[in-house]
């Protein structure tokens, strides 16, 4: 899928979630979508967890 289609699908999912579940349900759906995206990137190898942890802890790599 192209980034445009992906963005449109995410927008539709969030719009439906706010209509069906209200504000807190919308936040919960958005949180789970974000967690799912991070887990998907870790599993596909596109996100280096060790490098991310080092960046948050203030360690620098060259």
Protein backbone atom coordinates (compact mmCIF):
# COMPACT_ATOMS: atom_id res chain seq x y z
CA UNK A 1 0.00 0.00 0.00
CA UNK A 2 1.14 3.51 -0.69
CA UNK A 3 1.63 5.96 2.20
CA UNK A 4 -1.44 7.88 1.04
CA UNK A 5 -3.68 4.83 1.22
CA UNK A 6 -2.18 3.82 4.57
CA UNK A 7 -2.84 7.28 5.99
CA UNK A 8 -6.40 7.26 4.69
CA UNK A 9 -7.09 3.84 6.24
CA UNK A 10 -5.65 4.96 9.58
CA UNK A 11 -7.80 8.10 9.43
CA UNK A 12 -10.94 6.09 8.76
CA UNK A 13 -10.19 3.70 11.62
CA UNK A 14 -9.62 6.58 14.04
CA UNK A 15 -12.73 8.44 12.85
CA UNK A 16 -14.91 5.36 13.29
CA UNK A 17 -13.40 4.68 16.71
CA UNK A 18 -14.21 8.17 17.99
CA UNK A 19 -17.77 7.88 16.68
CA UNK A 20 -18.33 4.45 18.23
CA UNK A 21 -16.32 4.58 21.45
CA UNK A 22 -16.00 8.27 22.33
CA UNK A 23 -12.83 10.15 23.22
CA UNK A 24 -11.27 7.59 25.57
CA UNK A 25 -11.95 4.75 23.17
CA UNK A 26 -10.34 6.81 20.43
CA UNK A 27 -7.22 7.30 22.56
CA UNK A 28 -7.09 3.59 23.36
CA UNK A 29 -7.37 2.63 19.67
CA UNK A 30 -4.67 5.18 18.74
CA UNK A 31 -2.39 3.84 21.50
CA UNK A 32 -2.82 0.24 20.36
CA UNK A 33 -2.21 1.25 16.74
CA UNK A 34 1.04 2.92 17.78
CA UNK A 35 2.14 -0.09 19.82
CA UNK A 36 1.30 -2.39 16.92
CA UNK A 37 3.34 -0.24 14.52
CA UNK A 38 6.36 -0.32 16.84
CA UNK A 39 6.11 -4.09 17.36
CA UNK A 40 5.77 -4.59 13.60
CA UNK A 41 8.91 -2.57 12.91
CA UNK A 42 10.84 -4.47 15.57
CA UNK A 43 9.74 -7.84 14.16
CA UNK A 44 10.64 -6.83 10.58
CA UNK A 45 14.06 -5.58 11.66
CA UNK A 46 13.43 -1.95 10.68
CA UNK A 47 13.81 -0.69 14.26
CA UNK A 48 16.92 -1.30 16.32
CA UNK A 49 15.73 -1.64 19.92
CA UNK A 50 19.23 -1.49 21.39
CA UNK A 51 20.01 1.72 19.49
CA UNK A 52 16.69 3.21 20.55
CA UNK A 53 17.36 2.35 24.21
CA UNK A 54 20.82 3.90 23.96
CA UNK A 55 19.36 7.08 22.47
CA UNK A 56 16.86 7.41 25.32
CA UNK A 57 19.51 6.74 27.97
CA UNK A 58 21.78 9.42 26.51
CA UNK A 59 24.49 7.15 25.16
CA UNK A 60 26.00 8.21 21.87
CA UNK A 61 27.30 6.02 19.10
CA UNK A 62 29.53 7.13 16.28
